[in-house]
Amino acid sequence: MPDLLAAKIELLAEYKLDYPQDYAPDDVARMQAELARLRSLQQMLAGPAD
């Protein structure tokens, strides 16, 4: 699961959001919200830092 999250984060952050002009403003906002959600989930799954 962590690899899947990392792949989705990479896809959104590094590819799609590099060219926000290619998307409608509402779609960019949704992608940013999804990116924040995925990063939060990734941190929760990683557990507390020791």
PDB file of N, CA and C in Angstrom:
ATOM      1  N   MET A   1       0.814  -1.205   0.000  1.00  0.00           N
ATOM      2  CA  MET A   1       0.000   0.000   0.000  1.00  0.00           C
ATOM      3  C   MET A   1       0.859   1.271   0.000  1.00  0.00           C
ATOM      4  N   PRO A   2       1.942   1.322   0.786  1.00  0.00           N
ATOM      5  CA  PRO A   2       2.765   2.537   0.758  1.00  0.00           C
ATOM      6  C   PRO A   2       3.316   2.855  -0.636  1.00  0.00           C
ATOM      7  N   ASP A   3       3.662   1.830  -1.409  1.00  0.00           N
ATOM      8  CA  ASP A   3       4.171   2.068  -2.761  1.00  0.00           C
ATOM      9  C   ASP A   3       3.094   2.661  -3.654  1.00  0.00           C
ATOM     10  N   LEU A   4       1.870   2.210  -3.494  1.00  0.00           N
ATOM     11  CA  LEU A   4       0.761   2.745  -4.280  1.00  0.00           C
ATOM     12  C   LEU A   4       0.524   4.216  -3.937  1.00  0.00           C
ATOM     13  N   LEU A   5       0.568   4.535  -2.652  1.00  0.00           N
ATOM     14  CA  LEU A   5       0.400   5.928  -2.235  1.00  0.00           C
ATOM     15  C   LEU A   5       1.513   6.797  -2.808  1.00  0.00           C
ATOM     16  N   ALA A   6       2.734   6.321  -2.729  1.00  0.00           N
ATOM     17  CA  ALA A   6       3.866   7.084  -3.255  1.00  0.00           C
ATOM     18  C   ALA A   6       3.713   7.311  -4.758  1.00  0.00           C
ATOM     19  N   ALA A   7       3.247   6.306  -5.469  1.00  0.00           N
ATOM     20  CA  ALA A   7       3.064   6.433  -6.918  1.00  0.00           C
ATOM     21  C   ALA A   7       1.973   7.453  -7.245  1.00  0.00           C
ATOM     22  N   LYS A   8       0.873   7.429  -6.500  1.00  0.00           N
ATOM     23  CA  LYS A   8      -0.202   8.393  -6.749  1.00  0.00           C
ATOM     24  C   LYS A   8       0.245   9.809  -6.422  1.00  0.00           C
ATOM     25  N   ILE A   9       0.996   9.959  -5.332  1.00  0.00           N
ATOM     26  CA  ILE A   9       1.502  11.272  -4.956  1.00  0.00           C
ATOM     27  C   ILE A   9       2.440  11.788  -6.042  1.00  0.00           C
ATOM     28  N   GLU A  10       3.318  10.935  -6.513  1.00  0.00           N
ATOM     29  CA  GLU A  10       4.254  11.329  -7.565  1.00  0.00           C
ATOM     30  C   GLU A  10       3.499  11.737  -8.837  1.00  0.00           C
ATOM     31  N   LEU A  11       2.503  10.972  -9.206  1.00  0.00           N
ATOM     32  CA  LEU A  11       1.730  11.280 -10.410  1.00  0.00           C
ATOM     33  C   LEU A  11       1.065  12.652 -10.301  1.00  0.00           C
ATOM     34  N   LEU A  12       0.415  12.891  -9.179  1.00  0.00           N
ATOM     35  CA  LEU A  12      -0.274  14.170  -9.015  1.00  0.00           C
ATOM     36  C   LEU A  12       0.702  15.334  -8.860  1.00  0.00           C
ATOM     37  N   ALA A  13       1.673  15.175  -8.000  1.00  0.00           N
ATOM     38  CA  ALA A  13       2.553  16.287  -7.656  1.00  0.00           C
ATOM     39  C   ALA A  13       3.548  16.608  -8.761  1.00  0.00           C
ATOM     40  N   GLU A  14       4.138  15.586  -9.340  1.00  0.00           N
ATOM     41  CA  GLU A  14       5.229  15.830 -10.264  1.00  0.00           C
ATOM     42  C   GLU A  14       4.812  15.919 -11.717  1.00  0.00           C
ATOM     43  N   TYR A  15       3.666  15.378 -12.064  1.00  0.00           N
ATOM     44  CA  TYR A  15       3.278  15.393 -13.469  1.00  0.00           C
ATOM     45  C   TYR A  15       2.082  16.305 -13.702  1.00  0.00           C
ATOM     46  N   LYS A  16       0.997  16.029 -13.077  1.00  0.00           N
ATOM     47  CA  LYS A  16      -0.220  16.791 -13.355  1.00  0.00           C
ATOM     48  C   LYS A  16      -0.135  18.229 -12.871  1.00  0.00           C
ATOM     49  N   LEU A  17       0.387  18.437 -11.671  1.00  0.00           N
ATOM     50  CA  LEU A  17       0.396  19.795 -11.129  1.00  0.00           C
ATOM     51  C   LEU A  17       1.563  20.627 -11.644  1.00  0.00           C
ATOM     52  N   ASP A  18       2.470  20.017 -12.411  1.00  0.00           N
ATOM     53  CA  ASP A  18       3.509  20.802 -13.065  1.00  0.00           C
ATOM     54  C   ASP A  18       2.918  21.654 -14.189  1.00  0.00           C
ATOM     55  N   TYR A  19       1.772  21.252 -14.689  1.00  0.00           N
ATOM     56  CA  TYR A  19       1.124  21.951 -15.798  1.00  0.00           C
ATOM     57  C   TYR A  19      -0.332  22.264 -15.452  1.00  0.00           C
ATOM     58  N   PRO A  20      -0.553  23.074 -14.420  1.00  0.00           N
ATOM     59  CA  PRO A  20      -1.943  23.334 -13.994  1.00  0.00           C
ATOM     60  C   PRO A  20      -2.769  24.039 -15.069  1.00  0.00           C
ATOM     61  N   GLN A  21      -2.116  24.724 -16.001  1.00  0.00           N
ATOM     62  CA  GLN A  21      -2.857  25.409 -17.056  1.00  0.00           C
ATOM     63  C   GLN A  21      -3.573  24.415 -17.976  1.00  0.00           C
ATOM     64  N   ASP A  22      -3.183  23.142 -17.907  1.00  0.00           N
ATOM     65  CA  ASP A  22      -3.826  22.123 -18.736  1.00  0.00           C
ATOM     66  C   ASP A  22      -5.148  21.629 -18.142  1.00  0.00           C
ATOM     67  N   TYR A  23      -5.494  22.104 -16.948  1.00  0.00           N
ATOM     68  CA  TYR A  23      -6.680  21.613 -16.247  1.00  0.00           C
ATOM     69  C   TYR A  23      -7.565  22.773 -15.825  1.00  0.00           C
ATOM     70  N   ALA A  24      -8.833  22.482 -15.675  1.00  0.00           N
ATOM     71  CA  ALA A  24      -9.776  23.478 -15.169  1.00  0.00           C
ATOM     72  C   ALA A  24      -9.434  23.797 -13.708  1.00  0.00           C
ATOM     73  N   PRO A  25      -9.677  25.038 -13.262  1.00  0.00           N
ATOM     74  CA  PRO A  25      -9.354  25.404 -11.870  1.00  0.00           C
ATOM     75  C   PRO A  25      -9.977  24.474 -10.834  1.00  0.00           C
ATOM     76  N   ASP A  26     -11.208  24.023 -11.071  1.00  0.00           N
ATOM     77  CA  ASP A  26     -11.847  23.096 -10.126  1.00  0.00           C
ATOM     78  C   ASP A  26     -11.105  21.763 -10.077  1.00  0.00           C
ATOM     79  N   ASP A  27     -10.613  21.314 -11.207  1.00  0.00           N
ATOM     80  CA  ASP A  27      -9.868  20.057 -11.246  1.00  0.00           C
ATOM     81  C   ASP A  27      -8.538  20.192 -10.519  1.00  0.00           C
ATOM     82  N   VAL A  28      -7.864  21.323 -10.677  1.00  0.00           N
ATOM     83  CA  VAL A  28      -6.598  21.559  -9.971  1.00  0.00           C
ATOM     84  C   VAL A  28      -6.852  21.568  -8.465  1.00  0.00           C
ATOM     85  N   ALA A  29      -7.916  22.214  -8.033  1.00  0.00           N
ATOM     86  CA  ALA A  29      -8.255  22.251  -6.608  1.00  0.00           C
ATOM     87  C   ALA A  29      -8.529  20.849  -6.082  1.00  0.00           C
ATOM     88  N   ARG A  30      -9.229  20.032  -6.865  1.00  0.00           N
ATOM     89  CA  ARG A  30      -9.498  18.648  -6.447  1.00  0.00           C
ATOM     90  C   ARG A  30      -8.207  17.835  -6.370  1.00  0.00           C
ATOM     91  N   MET A  31      -7.314  18.047  -7.333  1.00  0.00           N
ATOM     92  CA  MET A  31      -6.035  17.330  -7.313  1.00  0.00           C
ATOM     93  C   MET A  31      -5.210  17.742  -6.092  1.00  0.00           C
ATOM     94  N   GLN A  32      -5.220  19.015  -5.754  1.00  0.00           N
ATOM     95  CA  GLN A  32      -4.480  19.479  -4.587  1.00  0.00           C
ATOM     96  C   GLN A  32      -5.061  18.903  -3.302  1.00  0.00           C
ATOM     97  N   ALA A  33      -6.385  18.834  -3.213  1.00  0.00           N
ATOM     98  CA  ALA A  33      -7.034  18.240  -2.044  1.00  0.00           C
ATOM     99  C   ALA A  33      -6.717  16.751  -1.949  1.00  0.00           C
ATOM    100  N   GLU A  34      -6.731  16.057  -3.073  1.00  0.00           N
ATOM    101  CA  GLU A  34      -6.407  14.627  -3.086  1.00  0.00           C
ATOM    102  C   GLU A  34      -4.948  14.415  -2.706  1.00  0.00           C
ATOM    103  N   LEU A  35      -4.080  15.272  -3.166  1.00  0.00           N
ATOM    104  CA  LEU A  35      -2.664  15.181  -2.819  1.00  0.00           C
ATOM    105  C   LEU A  35      -2.469  15.357  -1.315  1.00  0.00           C
ATOM    106  N   ALA A  36      -3.135  16.307  -0.729  1.00  0.00           N
ATOM    107  CA  ALA A  36      -3.054  16.524   0.722  1.00  0.00           C
ATOM    108  C   ALA A  36      -3.590  15.311   1.474  1.00  0.00           C
ATOM    109  N   ARG A  37      -4.693  14.746   0.990  1.00  0.00           N
ATOM    110  CA  ARG A  37      -5.274  13.562   1.637  1.00  0.00           C
ATOM    111  C   ARG A  37      -4.322  12.373   1.554  1.00  0.00           C
ATOM    112  N   LEU A  38      -3.726  12.169   0.398  1.00  0.00           N
ATOM    113  CA  LEU A  38      -2.800  11.050   0.220  1.00  0.00           C
ATOM    114  C   LEU A  38      -1.549  11.201   1.086  1.00  0.00           C
ATOM    115  N   ARG A  39      -1.031  12.418   1.173  1.00  0.00           N
ATOM    116  CA  ARG A  39       0.148  12.645   2.017  1.00  0.00           C
ATOM    117  C   ARG A  39      -0.174  12.397   3.485  1.00  0.00           C
ATOM    118  N   SER A  40      -1.366  12.808   3.912  1.00  0.00           N
ATOM    119  CA  SER A  40      -1.802  12.571   5.284  1.00  0.00           C
ATOM    120  C   SER A  40      -1.917  11.067   5.555  1.00  0.00           C
ATOM    121  N   LEU A  41      -2.516  10.354   4.630  1.00  0.00           N
ATOM    122  CA  LEU A  41      -2.658   8.910   4.770  1.00  0.00           C
ATOM    123  C   LEU A  41      -1.282   8.230   4.809  1.00  0.00           C
ATOM    124  N   GLN A  42      -0.378   8.714   3.956  1.00  0.00           N
ATOM    125  CA  GLN A  42       0.976   8.161   3.918  1.00  0.00           C
ATOM    126  C   GLN A  42       1.663   8.352   5.275  1.00  0.00           C
ATOM    127  N   GLN A  43       1.506   9.512   5.883  1.00  0.00           N
ATOM    128  CA  GLN A  43       2.105   9.768   7.193  1.00  0.00           C
ATOM    129  C   GLN A  43       1.478   8.895   8.270  1.00  0.00           C
ATOM    130  N   MET A  44       0.162   8.714   8.213  1.00  0.00           N
ATOM    131  CA  MET A  44      -0.516   7.871   9.204  1.00  0.00           C
ATOM    132  C   MET A  44      -0.027   6.429   9.099  1.00  0.00           C
ATOM    133  N   LEU A  45       0.140   5.937   7.885  1.00  0.00           N
ATOM    134  CA  LEU A  45       0.586   4.555   7.698  1.00  0.00           C
ATOM    135  C   LEU A  45       2.045   4.370   8.098  1.00  0.00           C
ATOM    136  N   ALA A  46       2.836   5.420   7.986  1.00  0.00           N
ATOM    137  CA  ALA A  46       4.246   5.338   8.357  1.00  0.00           C
ATOM    138  C   ALA A  46       4.413   5.230   9.866  1.00  0.00           C
ATOM    139  N   GLY A  47       3.436   5.705  10.599  1.00  0.00           N
ATOM    140  CA  GLY A  47       3.509   5.639  12.061  1.00  0.00           C
ATOM    141  C   GLY A  47       4.349   6.763  12.626  1.00  0.00           C
ATOM    142  N   PRO A  48       4.426   6.803  13.942  1.00  0.00           N
ATOM    143  CA  PRO A  48       5.184   7.876  14.589  1.00  0.00           C
ATOM    144  C   PRO A  48       6.679   7.712  14.352  1.00  0.00           C
ATOM    145  N   ALA A  49       7.343   8.847  14.227  1.00  0.00           N
ATOM    146  CA  ALA A  49       8.814   8.816  14.067  1.00  0.00           C
ATOM    147  C   ALA A  49       9.443   8.578  15.430  1.00  0.00           C
ATOM    148  N   ASP A  50      10.399   7.693  15.443  1.00  0.00           N
ATOM    149  CA  ASP A  50      11.069   7.374  16.726  1.00  0.00           C
ATOM    150  C   ASP A  50      12.285   8.214  16.942  1.00  0.00           C
TER     151      ASP A  50
END
